[in-house]
Amino acid sequence: MYFDKNKYLGDFTKLILKFLKPHWKLCLLTTFLILIDVAGALIVPTLAARMLNQGNEGAVFGMLLNTSLIMMIVAIISGLGGILSGYFCATLTSRVAKDMRDAVYQKSLELSVADIKTFGVASMTTRTVSDITNIQFALLSTFQMVLPVPIIFVISLSLTFMKDYVMGIILLVVLILITIVAVIIMRSASPLFRKLQKFLDKMSTVLLENIMGVRVVRAFNKESSEKQRLDSSFNDYAKTSIKANRIFASLGGIFFCN
């Protein structure tokens, strides 16, 4: 069957927005606090550079004291924004995950016996527990790691162009290259995560079969073969997970170097 990735991403985005809509006030508050945190983290070094320039130019002590006080106030506000944004972000994602689990549970009550047999108990358990936990973590990472990126781009470019036009052009080129590399890495890692989902379902199914049929396994002396099945499913998941995490580790290294 043909897999339309664009349609899948569109449907997934609409689904996330549907569950975010009831908490739009908390979502806006979290975004605003993240903006304060990021802006403060970029303004503080700018003020520090201004204070050093004032010292080199022989400015009076009052000017240096005034700049340092402004820098301290900005740092305090930025720190409070970072702490509060983390708290409200965790609250927001927890509420969204709760609503998703309630929706999955209500939908499962409407399924027929044939539907439940088609999906399987292991798959239903994974959808309710592991998948929603992954969505919650992804939503948390989006707010704390992805959302600040465009804010950092805009503020850093604005501050750089205010200081030096050539440096601003260089920074813009570097940011474009980093974005291209990040997109390539994300596209290469996407199939691995789809494989991880299938391996997780397989692992849960084999584990559930062994737990429920432990007496049958012992009665027919199938311990060794079932152990091999478990080891095979665990190894497939582990190898794919390690490969995906290595790709993301390389992405983090690129960001750190730049």
Protein backbone atom coordinates (compact mmCIF):
# COMPACT_ATOMS: atom_id res chain seq x y z
CA MET A 1 0.00 0.00 0.00
CA TYR A 2 1.29 3.48 -0.90
CA PHE A 3 2.31 5.57 2.11
CA ASP A 4 1.59 9.28 1.65
CA LYS A 5 3.96 10.90 4.14
CA ASN A 6 2.66 14.42 3.54
CA LYS A 7 -0.93 13.37 4.21
CA TYR A 8 0.17 11.45 7.29
CA LEU A 9 2.05 14.45 8.69
CA GLY A 10 -0.87 16.71 7.93
CA ASP A 11 -3.34 14.45 9.73
CA PHE A 12 -0.97 14.07 12.65
CA THR A 13 -0.53 17.84 12.93
CA LYS A 14 -4.30 18.37 12.86
CA LEU A 15 -4.70 15.75 15.58
CA ILE A 16 -2.12 17.42 17.83
CA LEU A 17 -3.70 20.85 17.27
CA LYS A 18 -7.09 19.37 18.13
CA PHE A 19 -5.83 18.31 21.55
CA LEU A 20 -3.89 21.55 22.05
CA LYS A 21 -6.91 23.74 21.28
CA PRO A 22 -8.62 23.33 24.71
CA HIS A 23 -5.36 24.46 26.36
CA TRP A 24 -4.62 27.40 24.04
CA LYS A 25 -4.17 29.87 26.93
CA LEU A 26 -1.54 27.66 28.55
CA CYS A 27 0.08 27.15 25.14
CA LEU A 28 0.36 30.91 24.54
CA LEU A 29 1.72 31.47 28.05
CA THR A 30 4.37 28.79 27.56
CA THR A 31 5.39 30.28 24.20
CA PHE A 32 5.64 33.77 25.71
CA LEU A 33 7.81 32.53 28.59
CA ILE A 34 10.09 30.68 26.16
CA LEU A 35 10.42 33.90 24.16
CA ILE A 36 11.47 35.76 27.32
CA ASP A 37 14.00 33.05 28.21
CA VAL A 38 15.59 32.98 24.75
CA ALA A 39 15.60 36.77 24.33
CA GLY A 40 17.25 37.23 27.72
CA ALA A 41 19.90 34.61 26.95
CA LEU A 42 20.87 36.58 23.82
CA ILE A 43 20.58 40.07 25.29
CA VAL A 44 22.81 39.38 28.32
CA PRO A 45 25.98 38.73 26.20
CA THR A 46 25.15 41.84 24.16
CA LEU A 47 25.03 43.93 27.33
CA ALA A 48 28.25 42.34 28.55
CA ALA A 49 29.96 43.30 25.28
CA ARG A 50 28.62 46.85 25.62
CA MET A 51 30.00 47.09 29.16
CA LEU A 52 33.45 45.93 27.97
CA ASN A 53 33.38 48.50 25.17
CA GLN A 54 32.42 51.20 27.65
CA GLY A 55 35.33 50.19 29.87
CA ASN A 56 37.77 50.34 26.96
CA GLU A 57 36.46 53.74 25.95
CA GLY A 58 37.04 55.13 29.46
CA ALA A 59 33.42 55.43 30.50
CA VAL A 60 32.60 56.65 34.01
CA PHE A 61 31.73 54.19 36.75
CA GLY A 62 28.08 55.26 36.72
CA MET A 63 27.62 54.13 33.10
CA LEU A 64 29.23 50.76 33.83
CA LEU A 65 27.07 50.33 36.93
CA ASN A 66 23.93 51.19 34.98
CA THR A 67 24.74 48.64 32.25
CA SER A 68 25.54 45.94 34.82
CA LEU A 69 22.25 46.57 36.65
CA ILE A 70 20.32 46.28 33.38
CA MET A 71 22.18 43.04 32.61
CA MET A 72 21.34 41.65 36.06
CA ILE A 73 17.66 42.49 35.67
CA VAL A 74 17.54 40.89 32.21
CA ALA A 75 19.29 37.77 33.55
CA ILE A 76 16.81 37.46 36.45
CA ILE A 77 13.80 37.89 34.15
CA SER A 78 15.27 35.40 31.67
CA GLY A 79 15.94 32.88 34.43
CA LEU A 80 12.40 33.17 35.76
CA GLY A 81 11.08 32.79 32.22
CA GLY A 82 13.13 29.61 31.77
CA ILE A 83 11.92 28.09 35.05
CA LEU A 84 8.27 28.99 34.51
CA SER A 85 8.33 27.92 30.86
CA GLY A 86 9.62 24.49 31.89
CA TYR A 87 6.88 24.15 34.52
CA PHE A 88 4.02 25.26 32.28
CA CYS A 89 5.38 23.23 29.35
CA ALA A 90 5.37 20.07 31.49
CA THR A 91 1.84 20.89 32.67
CA LEU A 92 0.62 21.48 29.12
CA THR A 93 2.06 18.25 27.69
CA SER A 94 0.76 16.23 30.66
CA ARG A 95 -2.76 17.54 30.14
CA VAL A 96 -2.60 16.82 26.41
CA ALA A 97 -1.39 13.26 27.11
CA LYS A 98 -4.23 12.79 29.63
CA ASP A 99 -6.81 13.92 27.07
CA MET A 100 -5.31 11.57 24.46
CA ARG A 101 -5.47 8.58 26.79
CA ASP A 102 -9.07 9.40 27.64
CA ALA A 103 -9.89 9.62 23.92
CA VAL A 104 -8.16 6.31 23.16
CA TYR A 105 -9.99 4.62 26.04
CA GLN A 106 -13.37 5.97 24.95
CA LYS A 107 -12.67 4.84 21.37
CA SER A 108 -11.64 1.37 22.54
CA LEU A 109 -15.03 0.96 24.22
CA GLU A 110 -16.68 1.45 20.81
CA LEU A 111 -14.60 -1.24 19.08
CA SER A 112 -16.11 -4.62 18.32
CA VAL A 113 -14.52 -7.92 19.29
CA ALA A 114 -13.35 -8.38 15.70
CA ASP A 115 -11.68 -4.96 15.73
CA ILE A 116 -9.86 -5.73 18.96
CA LYS A 117 -8.66 -9.04 17.52
CA THR A 118 -7.49 -7.21 14.39
CA PHE A 119 -5.46 -4.65 16.35
CA GLY A 120 -4.33 -7.09 19.03
CA VAL A 121 -4.07 -6.57 22.78
CA ALA A 122 -0.34 -5.79 22.62
CA SER A 123 -0.86 -3.15 19.95
CA MET A 124 -3.73 -1.54 21.89
CA THR A 125 -1.58 -1.44 25.02
CA THR A 126 1.30 0.11 23.10
CA ARG A 127 -0.98 2.73 21.54
CA THR A 128 -2.38 3.73 24.94
CA VAL A 129 0.85 3.73 26.96
CA SER A 130 4.02 3.93 24.89
CA ASP A 131 2.76 5.89 21.86
CA ILE A 132 1.09 8.62 23.89
CA THR A 133 4.16 8.87 26.11
CA ASN A 134 6.28 9.33 22.98
CA ILE A 135 3.89 12.00 21.69
CA GLN A 136 4.07 13.76 25.05
CA PHE A 137 7.87 13.69 24.97
CA ALA A 138 7.89 14.89 21.34
CA LEU A 139 5.54 17.75 22.21
CA LEU A 140 7.72 18.68 25.18
CA SER A 141 10.83 18.62 22.99
CA THR A 142 9.06 20.73 20.37
CA PHE A 143 8.31 23.47 22.86
CA GLN A 144 11.68 23.38 24.62
CA MET A 145 14.05 22.62 21.72
CA VAL A 146 12.35 23.28 18.36
CA LEU A 147 10.26 26.37 19.14
CA PRO A 148 13.24 28.44 20.44
CA VAL A 149 15.20 27.83 17.21
CA PRO A 150 13.36 30.34 14.96
CA ILE A 151 13.30 32.83 17.85
CA ILE A 152 17.07 32.46 18.26
CA PHE A 153 17.55 32.84 14.50
CA VAL A 154 15.56 36.09 14.34
CA ILE A 155 17.00 37.72 17.46
CA SER A 156 20.60 36.66 16.81
CA LEU A 157 20.45 37.83 13.19
CA SER A 158 18.93 41.16 14.25
CA LEU A 159 21.61 41.76 16.90
CA THR A 160 24.40 40.71 14.53
CA PHE A 161 23.23 42.96 11.67
CA MET A 162 23.00 45.84 14.15
CA LYS A 163 26.67 45.31 15.04
CA ASP A 164 28.21 44.40 11.68
CA TYR A 165 26.59 43.79 8.28
CA VAL A 166 29.27 41.35 7.03
CA MET A 167 29.09 39.23 10.18
CA GLY A 168 25.33 39.14 9.79
CA ILE A 169 25.65 37.76 6.26
CA ILE A 170 28.13 35.11 7.45
CA LEU A 171 25.83 34.08 10.32
CA LEU A 172 22.86 33.90 7.95
CA VAL A 173 24.75 31.57 5.60
CA VAL A 174 25.84 29.35 8.51
CA LEU A 175 22.28 29.14 9.85
CA ILE A 176 20.97 28.18 6.39
CA LEU A 177 23.59 25.41 6.10
CA ILE A 178 22.76 24.10 9.57
CA THR A 179 19.05 24.06 8.70
CA ILE A 180 19.71 22.10 5.48
CA VAL A 181 21.83 19.53 7.35
CA ALA A 182 19.18 19.21 10.07
CA VAL A 183 16.43 18.60 7.49
CA ILE A 184 18.52 15.92 5.74
CA ILE A 185 19.22 14.15 9.04
CA MET A 186 15.58 14.30 10.10
CA ARG A 187 14.42 12.86 6.78
CA SER A 188 16.94 10.02 7.04
CA ALA A 189 15.89 9.25 10.61
CA SER A 190 12.14 9.23 9.90
CA PRO A 191 12.03 5.68 8.38
CA LEU A 192 14.00 4.36 11.34
CA PHE A 193 11.35 5.55 13.78
CA ARG A 194 8.62 3.87 11.73
CA LYS A 195 10.64 0.66 11.98
CA LEU A 196 11.01 1.19 15.72
CA GLN A 197 7.23 1.34 16.06
CA LYS A 198 6.83 -2.00 14.26
CA PHE A 199 9.59 -3.60 16.34
CA LEU A 200 7.99 -2.29 19.53
CA ASP A 201 4.66 -3.89 18.56
CA LYS A 202 6.42 -7.16 17.75
CA MET A 203 8.35 -7.08 21.02
CA SER A 204 5.18 -6.41 23.03
CA THR A 205 3.30 -9.19 21.22
CA VAL A 206 6.01 -11.81 21.81
CA LEU A 207 6.41 -10.79 25.44
CA LEU A 208 2.65 -10.91 26.05
CA GLU A 209 2.36 -14.34 24.39
CA ASN A 210 5.12 -15.72 26.60
CA ILE A 211 3.60 -14.30 29.77
CA MET A 212 0.08 -15.55 28.99
CA GLY A 213 1.22 -18.91 27.62
CA VAL A 214 4.01 -19.68 30.08
CA ARG A 215 2.38 -23.01 31.09
CA VAL A 216 2.03 -24.11 27.48
CA VAL A 217 5.64 -23.16 26.75
CA ARG A 218 6.85 -25.22 29.69
CA ALA A 219 4.56 -28.13 28.86
CA PHE A 220 5.96 -28.46 25.32
CA ASN A 221 9.53 -27.68 26.36
CA LYS A 222 9.71 -24.55 24.19
CA GLU A 223 11.72 -22.37 26.57
CA SER A 224 14.80 -22.17 24.34
CA SER A 225 12.89 -21.35 21.15
CA GLU A 226 10.76 -18.73 22.89
CA LYS A 227 13.88 -17.22 24.42
CA GLN A 228 15.35 -16.95 20.92
CA ARG A 229 12.17 -15.20 19.72
CA LEU A 230 12.40 -12.72 22.57
CA ASP A 231 16.11 -12.11 22.01
CA SER A 232 15.53 -11.61 18.28
CA SER A 233 12.76 -9.04 18.83
CA PHE A 234 14.80 -7.24 21.52
CA ASN A 235 17.92 -7.16 19.32
CA ASP A 236 16.01 -5.79 16.31
CA TYR A 237 14.59 -2.99 18.43
CA ALA A 238 17.95 -2.26 20.09
CA LYS A 239 19.91 -2.09 16.81
CA THR A 240 17.41 0.24 15.16
CA SER A 241 17.14 2.41 18.25
CA ILE A 242 20.93 2.75 18.52
CA LYS A 243 21.16 3.67 14.83
CA ALA A 244 18.46 6.35 15.17
CA ASN A 245 20.03 7.80 18.30
CA ARG A 246 23.44 7.95 16.64
CA ILE A 247 21.94 10.02 13.83
CA PHE A 248 20.44 12.46 16.32
CA ALA A 249 23.70 12.52 18.29
CA SER A 250 25.50 13.65 15.13
CA LEU A 251 22.89 16.39 14.73
CA GLY A 252 23.50 17.55 18.29
CA GLY A 253 27.26 17.55 17.65
CA ILE A 254 26.82 19.76 14.60
CA PHE A 255 24.74 22.24 16.58
CA PHE A 256 27.26 22.22 19.43
CA CYS A 257 30.21 22.86 17.11
CA ASN A 258 28.46 25.79 15.53
